[in-house]
Amino acid sequence: MKVILLENIQKIGSIGEIIDVKRGYARNYLISKNKALFASKENIKEVEKIKQELNKKDLEKKKEAQLISEKIKNNNFVIKKLSTENKELYGSVKPTEISKLIKEKDNFEINPSLIQPLKEIKSLGDFIVKINLHSEVQFQINLRVLPQEENE
């Protein structure tokens, strides 16, 4: 299915580009999240008209992402979780918890879908978490998982 991209999407394409993707991906993700339009003649003409405006919006998003990135990249975050004697967690640390931690510490709201731990966090220790704020702005934070005291 051919679609026209309305924003830059990493590993897929840039604004105004007409790409061929699978029907389900187009319908369920790109079109439903307003990241693309079905590539009809009318839509192609419409996108050509608003391409500059879309590029401006994308630049604004990128600048905002870079500001957030400068403020929190390479920061160390600490989270306390209940653990067993052999340093394994009951459950794991999820992106939603990491998002709340960033909100509490630095007052930036980051969508949990943009947070990607490099490996699943199921034990105590230090972990690197990748955050993709924009197709061109990615950075990493350090997350230390410490045992939560039982009597807290």
N, C-alpha and C. Protein backbone atom coordinates (compact mmCIF):
# COMPACT_ATOMS: atom_id res chain seq x y z
N MET A 1 0.84 -1.17 0.00
CA MET A 1 0.00 0.00 0.00
C MET A 1 0.89 1.24 0.00
N LYS A 2 0.60 2.17 -0.88
CA LYS A 2 1.40 3.38 -0.98
C LYS A 2 0.81 4.47 -0.08
N VAL A 3 1.71 5.10 0.71
CA VAL A 3 1.29 6.18 1.60
C VAL A 3 2.27 7.35 1.47
N ILE A 4 1.81 8.53 1.87
CA ILE A 4 2.65 9.73 1.88
C ILE A 4 2.94 10.04 3.34
N LEU A 5 4.21 10.16 3.68
CA LEU A 5 4.59 10.43 5.07
C LEU A 5 4.34 11.89 5.44
N LEU A 6 3.76 12.11 6.62
CA LEU A 6 3.50 13.46 7.11
C LEU A 6 4.54 13.88 8.16
N GLU A 7 5.42 12.95 8.55
CA GLU A 7 6.53 13.29 9.43
C GLU A 7 7.71 12.37 9.16
N ASN A 8 8.88 12.78 9.64
CA ASN A 8 10.07 11.95 9.47
C ASN A 8 9.96 10.74 10.39
N ILE A 9 10.11 9.56 9.84
CA ILE A 9 10.05 8.34 10.63
C ILE A 9 11.33 7.57 10.40
N GLN A 10 12.01 7.29 11.51
CA GLN A 10 13.30 6.61 11.45
C GLN A 10 13.18 5.28 10.70
N LYS A 11 14.13 5.02 9.83
CA LYS A 11 14.25 3.79 9.03
C LYS A 11 13.12 3.61 8.01
N ILE A 12 12.24 4.62 7.87
CA ILE A 12 11.15 4.48 6.89
C ILE A 12 11.23 5.56 5.83
N GLY A 13 11.30 6.83 6.23
CA GLY A 13 11.38 7.89 5.24
C GLY A 13 11.18 9.25 5.85
N SER A 14 11.15 10.26 4.98
CA SER A 14 11.00 11.64 5.46
C SER A 14 9.70 12.25 4.94
N ILE A 15 9.41 13.44 5.43
CA ILE A 15 8.16 14.13 5.11
C ILE A 15 7.94 14.25 3.61
N GLY A 16 6.72 13.94 3.16
CA GLY A 16 6.36 14.10 1.76
C GLY A 16 6.76 12.93 0.88
N GLU A 17 7.51 12.00 1.42
CA GLU A 17 7.98 10.86 0.64
C GLU A 17 6.83 9.86 0.45
N ILE A 18 6.74 9.30 -0.74
CA ILE A 18 5.72 8.28 -1.01
C ILE A 18 6.42 6.94 -0.89
N ILE A 19 5.93 6.13 0.06
CA ILE A 19 6.57 4.84 0.31
C ILE A 19 5.55 3.72 0.19
N ASP A 20 6.05 2.53 0.00
CA ASP A 20 5.20 1.35 -0.09
C ASP A 20 5.39 0.54 1.19
N VAL A 21 4.32 0.37 1.96
CA VAL A 21 4.39 -0.40 3.20
C VAL A 21 3.27 -1.43 3.22
N LYS A 22 3.34 -2.34 4.17
CA LYS A 22 2.29 -3.35 4.28
C LYS A 22 0.99 -2.68 4.72
N ARG A 23 -0.10 -3.22 4.21
CA ARG A 23 -1.43 -2.65 4.44
C ARG A 23 -1.75 -2.49 5.93
N GLY A 24 -1.45 -3.49 6.74
CA GLY A 24 -1.75 -3.44 8.18
C GLY A 24 -0.96 -2.35 8.88
N TYR A 25 0.32 -2.23 8.54
CA TYR A 25 1.17 -1.19 9.14
C TYR A 25 0.66 0.19 8.77
N ALA A 26 0.25 0.34 7.51
CA ALA A 26 -0.27 1.63 7.05
C ALA A 26 -1.55 1.98 7.80
N ARG A 27 -2.51 1.06 7.81
CA ARG A 27 -3.80 1.33 8.42
C ARG A 27 -3.73 1.46 9.94
N ASN A 28 -3.06 0.50 10.58
CA ASN A 28 -3.10 0.43 12.04
C ASN A 28 -2.14 1.39 12.73
N TYR A 29 -1.08 1.80 12.05
CA TYR A 29 -0.11 2.67 12.71
C TYR A 29 0.02 4.03 12.01
N LEU A 30 0.49 4.02 10.78
CA LEU A 30 0.82 5.28 10.11
C LEU A 30 -0.41 6.18 9.93
N ILE A 31 -1.47 5.65 9.35
CA ILE A 31 -2.65 6.48 9.07
C ILE A 31 -3.41 6.78 10.36
N SER A 32 -3.56 5.79 11.25
CA SER A 32 -4.32 6.01 12.49
C SER A 32 -3.64 7.01 13.42
N LYS A 33 -2.31 7.12 13.37
CA LYS A 33 -1.58 8.06 14.23
C LYS A 33 -1.24 9.36 13.49
N ASN A 34 -1.88 9.59 12.35
CA ASN A 34 -1.67 10.79 11.53
C ASN A 34 -0.21 11.01 11.16
N LYS A 35 0.49 9.91 10.88
CA LYS A 35 1.88 10.01 10.44
C LYS A 35 1.97 9.88 8.92
N ALA A 36 0.85 9.48 8.29
CA ALA A 36 0.84 9.31 6.84
C ALA A 36 -0.59 9.42 6.31
N LEU A 37 -0.68 9.61 4.99
CA LEU A 37 -1.97 9.63 4.28
C LEU A 37 -1.92 8.61 3.16
N PHE A 38 -3.08 8.08 2.79
CA PHE A 38 -3.16 7.20 1.63
C PHE A 38 -2.71 7.99 0.40
N ALA A 39 -1.91 7.38 -0.47
CA ALA A 39 -1.31 8.11 -1.60
C ALA A 39 -2.27 8.21 -2.79
N SER A 40 -3.29 9.04 -2.66
CA SER A 40 -4.18 9.31 -3.80
C SER A 40 -3.68 10.58 -4.48
N LYS A 41 -4.17 10.86 -5.69
CA LYS A 41 -3.73 12.06 -6.42
C LYS A 41 -4.04 13.33 -5.64
N GLU A 42 -5.23 13.36 -5.02
CA GLU A 42 -5.62 14.55 -4.24
C GLU A 42 -4.70 14.74 -3.04
N ASN A 43 -4.41 13.64 -2.33
CA ASN A 43 -3.54 13.73 -1.14
C ASN A 43 -2.12 14.13 -1.52
N ILE A 44 -1.63 13.67 -2.65
CA ILE A 44 -0.27 14.03 -3.09
C ILE A 44 -0.21 15.54 -3.32
N LYS A 45 -1.24 16.10 -3.99
CA LYS A 45 -1.27 17.55 -4.22
C LYS A 45 -1.36 18.30 -2.90
N GLU A 46 -2.18 17.81 -1.99
CA GLU A 46 -2.37 18.45 -0.68
C GLU A 46 -1.07 18.46 0.12
N VAL A 47 -0.35 17.35 0.12
CA VAL A 47 0.91 17.26 0.88
C VAL A 47 1.96 18.19 0.28
N GLU A 48 1.98 18.33 -1.04
CA GLU A 48 2.94 19.25 -1.67
C GLU A 48 2.71 20.68 -1.17
N LYS A 49 1.43 21.05 -0.98
CA LYS A 49 1.09 22.39 -0.51
C LYS A 49 1.54 22.61 0.94
N ILE A 50 1.35 21.59 1.78
CA ILE A 50 1.64 21.78 3.21
C ILE A 50 3.00 21.23 3.64
N LYS A 51 3.82 20.86 2.68
CA LYS A 51 5.12 20.26 2.99
C LYS A 51 6.01 21.19 3.82
N GLN A 52 6.07 22.46 3.47
CA GLN A 52 6.90 23.41 4.21
C GLN A 52 6.41 23.56 5.65
N GLU A 53 5.10 23.62 5.81
CA GLU A 53 4.53 23.74 7.15
C GLU A 53 4.88 22.50 7.98
N LEU A 54 4.79 21.32 7.37
CA LEU A 54 5.14 20.08 8.06
C LEU A 54 6.61 20.07 8.45
N ASN A 55 7.48 20.56 7.55
CA ASN A 55 8.91 20.63 7.85
C ASN A 55 9.18 21.55 9.03
N LYS A 56 8.45 22.68 9.11
CA LYS A 56 8.62 23.61 10.23
C LYS A 56 8.22 22.93 11.54
N LYS A 57 7.09 22.24 11.52
CA LYS A 57 6.62 21.54 12.72
C LYS A 57 7.64 20.49 13.14
N ASP A 58 8.18 19.77 12.17
CA ASP A 58 9.17 18.74 12.47
C ASP A 58 10.43 19.36 13.07
N LEU A 59 10.85 20.51 12.55
CA LEU A 59 12.02 21.19 13.10
C LEU A 59 11.77 21.63 14.54
N GLU A 60 10.56 22.11 14.82
CA GLU A 60 10.21 22.51 16.19
C GLU A 60 10.27 21.31 17.12
N LYS A 61 9.70 20.18 16.68
CA LYS A 61 9.73 18.96 17.49
C LYS A 61 11.18 18.54 17.75
N LYS A 62 12.01 18.66 16.70
CA LYS A 62 13.41 18.26 16.83
C LYS A 62 14.14 19.16 17.83
N LYS A 63 13.90 20.48 17.77
CA LYS A 63 14.54 21.42 18.71
C LYS A 63 14.13 21.11 20.14
N GLU A 64 12.83 20.86 20.33
CA GLU A 64 12.32 20.54 21.66
C GLU A 64 12.95 19.24 22.18
N ALA A 65 13.05 18.26 21.30
CA ALA A 65 13.67 16.98 21.66
C ALA A 65 15.14 17.17 22.03
N GLN A 66 15.84 18.04 21.30
CA GLN A 66 17.25 18.29 21.60
C GLN A 66 17.41 18.98 22.95
N LEU A 67 16.51 19.92 23.27
CA LEU A 67 16.57 20.58 24.58
C LEU A 67 16.40 19.58 25.72
N ILE A 68 15.39 18.72 25.58
CA ILE A 68 15.15 17.70 26.61
C ILE A 68 16.36 16.78 26.70
N SER A 69 16.88 16.39 25.55
CA SER A 69 18.03 15.49 25.50
C SER A 69 19.24 16.08 26.21
N GLU A 70 19.51 17.37 25.98
CA GLU A 70 20.66 18.03 26.62
C GLU A 70 20.51 18.04 28.14
N LYS A 71 19.26 18.21 28.60
CA LYS A 71 19.04 18.32 30.05
C LYS A 71 19.13 16.98 30.76
N ILE A 72 18.70 15.88 30.12
CA ILE A 72 18.67 14.62 30.87
C ILE A 72 19.58 13.53 30.34
N LYS A 73 20.28 13.76 29.22
CA LYS A 73 21.12 12.67 28.71
C LYS A 73 22.30 12.43 29.65
N ASN A 74 22.70 11.20 29.75
CA ASN A 74 23.79 10.74 30.61
C ASN A 74 23.53 11.00 32.10
N ASN A 75 22.28 11.32 32.46
CA ASN A 75 21.94 11.45 33.87
C ASN A 75 21.87 10.07 34.50
N ASN A 76 22.04 10.03 35.79
CA ASN A 76 21.90 8.78 36.53
C ASN A 76 20.59 8.81 37.28
N PHE A 77 19.79 7.80 37.07
CA PHE A 77 18.51 7.68 37.75
C PHE A 77 18.56 6.45 38.64
N VAL A 78 17.92 6.55 39.80
CA VAL A 78 17.91 5.44 40.75
C VAL A 78 16.48 5.04 41.01
N ILE A 79 16.22 3.73 40.96
CA ILE A 79 14.88 3.22 41.25
C ILE A 79 15.05 2.09 42.26
N LYS A 80 14.15 2.04 43.24
CA LYS A 80 14.22 0.99 44.26
C LYS A 80 13.08 0.01 44.04
N LYS A 81 13.44 -1.28 44.01
CA LYS A 81 12.45 -2.33 43.76
C LYS A 81 12.66 -3.47 44.76
N LEU A 82 11.60 -4.19 45.06
CA LEU A 82 11.72 -5.38 45.91
C LEU A 82 12.48 -6.45 45.16
N SER A 83 13.40 -7.13 45.87
CA SER A 83 14.21 -8.15 45.20
C SER A 83 14.41 -9.36 46.10
N THR A 84 14.82 -10.46 45.49
CA THR A 84 15.12 -11.69 46.22
C THR A 84 16.56 -11.62 46.74
N GLU A 85 16.97 -12.64 47.51
CA GLU A 85 18.34 -12.67 48.03
C GLU A 85 19.38 -12.76 46.91
N ASN A 86 19.04 -13.42 45.80
CA ASN A 86 20.02 -13.53 44.70
C ASN A 86 19.87 -12.40 43.69
N LYS A 87 19.47 -11.23 44.16
CA LYS A 87 19.45 -9.97 43.41
C LYS A 87 18.55 -9.96 42.18
N GLU A 88 17.53 -10.80 42.17
CA GLU A 88 16.56 -10.76 41.09
C GLU A 88 15.33 -10.00 41.57
N LEU A 89 14.71 -9.27 40.65
CA LEU A 89 13.54 -8.47 41.00
C LEU A 89 12.26 -9.31 40.94
N TYR A 90 11.28 -8.89 41.75
CA TYR A 90 9.94 -9.45 41.61
C TYR A 90 9.31 -8.66 40.46
N GLY A 91 9.25 -9.24 39.29
CA GLY A 91 8.78 -8.51 38.11
C GLY A 91 9.97 -7.86 37.42
N SER A 92 9.73 -6.75 36.74
CA SER A 92 10.82 -6.05 36.05
C SER A 92 10.52 -4.55 36.06
N VAL A 93 11.51 -3.77 35.65
CA VAL A 93 11.32 -2.32 35.56
C VAL A 93 10.79 -2.02 34.16
N LYS A 94 9.62 -1.42 34.09
CA LYS A 94 8.96 -1.14 32.82
C LYS A 94 9.20 0.30 32.37
N PRO A 95 9.06 0.57 31.07
CA PRO A 95 9.20 1.95 30.57
C PRO A 95 8.28 2.96 31.27
N THR A 96 7.08 2.53 31.70
CA THR A 96 6.18 3.46 32.40
C THR A 96 6.79 3.93 33.71
N GLU A 97 7.48 3.02 34.42
CA GLU A 97 8.14 3.39 35.68
C GLU A 97 9.30 4.36 35.41
N ILE A 98 10.03 4.11 34.34
CA ILE A 98 11.16 4.97 33.98
C ILE A 98 10.63 6.36 33.61
N SER A 99 9.51 6.39 32.88
CA SER A 99 8.89 7.66 32.49
C SER A 99 8.48 8.47 33.73
N LYS A 100 7.87 7.80 34.73
CA LYS A 100 7.48 8.48 35.97
C LYS A 100 8.71 8.99 36.71
N LEU A 101 9.78 8.21 36.71
CA LEU A 101 11.02 8.60 37.38
C LEU A 101 11.60 9.87 36.76
N ILE A 102 11.61 9.95 35.42
CA ILE A 102 12.11 11.14 34.72
C ILE A 102 11.21 12.34 35.03
N LYS A 103 9.90 12.11 35.07
CA LYS A 103 8.95 13.18 35.37
C LYS A 103 9.19 13.74 36.77
N GLU A 104 9.42 12.84 37.75
CA GLU A 104 9.65 13.28 39.12
C GLU A 104 10.97 14.03 39.26
N LYS A 105 12.03 13.50 38.64
CA LYS A 105 13.35 14.08 38.83
C LYS A 105 13.57 15.35 38.00
N ASP A 106 13.26 15.30 36.70
CA ASP A 106 13.58 16.41 35.81
C ASP A 106 12.36 17.16 35.27
N ASN A 107 11.17 16.71 35.64
CA ASN A 107 9.93 17.37 35.23
C ASN A 107 9.72 17.40 33.71
N PHE A 108 10.16 16.35 33.02
CA PHE A 108 9.90 16.20 31.59
C PHE A 108 9.01 14.99 31.40
N GLU A 109 7.96 15.17 30.62
CA GLU A 109 7.06 14.05 30.35
C GLU A 109 7.51 13.35 29.09
N ILE A 110 7.90 12.09 29.22
CA ILE A 110 8.35 11.30 28.08
C ILE A 110 7.42 10.10 27.95
N ASN A 111 6.86 9.94 26.76
CA ASN A 111 5.95 8.83 26.49
C ASN A 111 6.69 7.50 26.69
N PRO A 112 6.13 6.56 27.47
CA PRO A 112 6.80 5.28 27.70
C PRO A 112 7.14 4.52 26.41
N SER A 113 6.40 4.75 25.33
CA SER A 113 6.69 4.04 24.08
C SER A 113 8.02 4.49 23.46
N LEU A 114 8.55 5.65 23.91
CA LEU A 114 9.82 6.16 23.39
C LEU A 114 11.01 5.65 24.19
N ILE A 115 10.74 4.94 25.29
CA ILE A 115 11.80 4.46 26.18
C ILE A 115 12.08 3.00 25.88
N GLN A 116 13.35 2.68 25.61
CA GLN A 116 13.73 1.31 25.27
C GLN A 116 14.94 0.86 26.07
N PRO A 117 14.72 0.07 27.12
CA PRO A 117 15.88 -0.50 27.82
C PRO A 117 16.66 -1.40 26.85
N LEU A 118 18.01 -1.35 26.90
CA LEU A 118 18.80 -2.15 25.98
C LEU A 118 18.62 -3.64 26.25
N LYS A 119 18.42 -3.99 27.52
CA LYS A 119 18.03 -5.37 27.84
C LYS A 119 17.01 -5.30 28.95
N GLU A 120 16.23 -6.36 29.10
CA GLU A 120 15.16 -6.36 30.09
C GLU A 120 15.74 -6.20 31.49
N ILE A 121 15.13 -5.34 32.29
CA ILE A 121 15.64 -5.04 33.62
C ILE A 121 14.91 -5.93 34.63
N LYS A 122 15.55 -7.06 34.98
CA LYS A 122 14.93 -8.02 35.89
C LYS A 122 15.80 -8.31 37.11
N SER A 123 16.88 -7.54 37.30
CA SER A 123 17.75 -7.76 38.45
C SER A 123 18.29 -6.43 38.95
N LEU A 124 18.96 -6.47 40.09
CA LEU A 124 19.58 -5.26 40.62
C LEU A 124 20.83 -4.95 39.82
N GLY A 125 21.23 -3.67 39.79
CA GLY A 125 22.45 -3.31 39.09
C GLY A 125 22.27 -2.07 38.24
N ASP A 126 23.25 -1.84 37.35
CA ASP A 126 23.24 -0.67 36.48
C ASP A 126 22.81 -1.07 35.07
N PHE A 127 21.96 -0.25 34.47
CA PHE A 127 21.45 -0.53 33.13
C PHE A 127 21.49 0.73 32.29
N ILE A 128 21.60 0.56 30.98
CA ILE A 128 21.54 1.69 30.06
C ILE A 128 20.19 1.64 29.36
N VAL A 129 19.52 2.79 29.33
CA VAL A 129 18.20 2.88 28.72
C VAL A 129 18.26 3.89 27.58
N LYS A 130 17.81 3.46 26.39
CA LYS A 130 17.82 4.33 25.22
C LYS A 130 16.47 5.05 25.11
N ILE A 131 16.53 6.35 24.78
CA ILE A 131 15.30 7.12 24.62
C ILE A 131 15.30 7.76 23.24
N ASN A 132 14.24 7.51 22.46
CA ASN A 132 14.08 8.07 21.10
C ASN A 132 13.02 9.16 21.15
N LEU A 133 13.44 10.41 21.23
CA LEU A 133 12.46 11.50 21.29
C LEU A 133 12.03 11.96 19.90
N HIS A 134 12.87 11.72 18.91
CA HIS A 134 12.63 12.18 17.55
C HIS A 134 13.41 11.24 16.64
N SER A 135 13.05 11.21 15.36
CA SER A 135 13.76 10.31 14.45
C SER A 135 15.25 10.63 14.38
N GLU A 136 15.64 11.86 14.71
CA GLU A 136 17.05 12.25 14.67
C GLU A 136 17.63 12.54 16.04
N VAL A 137 16.86 12.38 17.10
CA VAL A 137 17.34 12.67 18.46
C VAL A 137 17.14 11.44 19.35
N GLN A 138 18.24 10.74 19.60
CA GLN A 138 18.23 9.61 20.53
C GLN A 138 19.35 9.83 21.54
N PHE A 139 19.13 9.36 22.76
CA PHE A 139 20.17 9.46 23.77
C PHE A 139 19.98 8.35 24.79
N GLN A 140 20.94 8.25 25.72
CA GLN A 140 20.89 7.19 26.72
C GLN A 140 20.95 7.79 28.12
N ILE A 141 20.29 7.10 29.04
CA ILE A 141 20.41 7.46 30.45
C ILE A 141 20.89 6.22 31.19
N ASN A 142 21.46 6.44 32.36
CA ASN A 142 21.90 5.33 33.20
C ASN A 142 20.86 5.12 34.28
N LEU A 143 20.47 3.86 34.48
CA LEU A 143 19.47 3.52 35.48
C LEU A 143 20.10 2.54 36.46
N ARG A 144 20.08 2.89 37.73
CA ARG A 144 20.60 1.99 38.77
C ARG A 144 19.41 1.45 39.54
N VAL A 145 19.34 0.13 39.63
CA VAL A 145 18.25 -0.52 40.36
C VAL A 145 18.82 -0.99 41.70
N LEU A 146 18.25 -0.46 42.78
CA LEU A 146 18.70 -0.79 44.13
C LEU A 146 17.61 -1.57 44.86
N PRO A 147 17.99 -2.35 45.87
CA PRO A 147 16.96 -3.09 46.62
C PRO A 147 16.13 -2.16 47.49
N GLN A 148 14.86 -2.39 47.53
CA GLN A 148 13.97 -1.60 48.39
C GLN A 148 13.99 -2.25 49.77
N GLU A 149 14.14 -1.42 50.79
CA GLU A 149 14.17 -1.96 52.16
C GLU A 149 12.77 -2.48 52.50
N GLU A 150 12.73 -3.61 53.16
CA GLU A 150 11.44 -4.24 53.49
C GLU A 150 10.62 -3.41 54.48
N ASN A 151 11.30 -2.64 55.36
CA ASN A 151 10.57 -1.92 56.40
C ASN A 151 10.22 -0.49 56.01
N GLU A 152 10.34 -0.14 54.73
CA GLU A 152 10.00 1.22 54.29
C GLU A 152 8.51 1.42 54.28
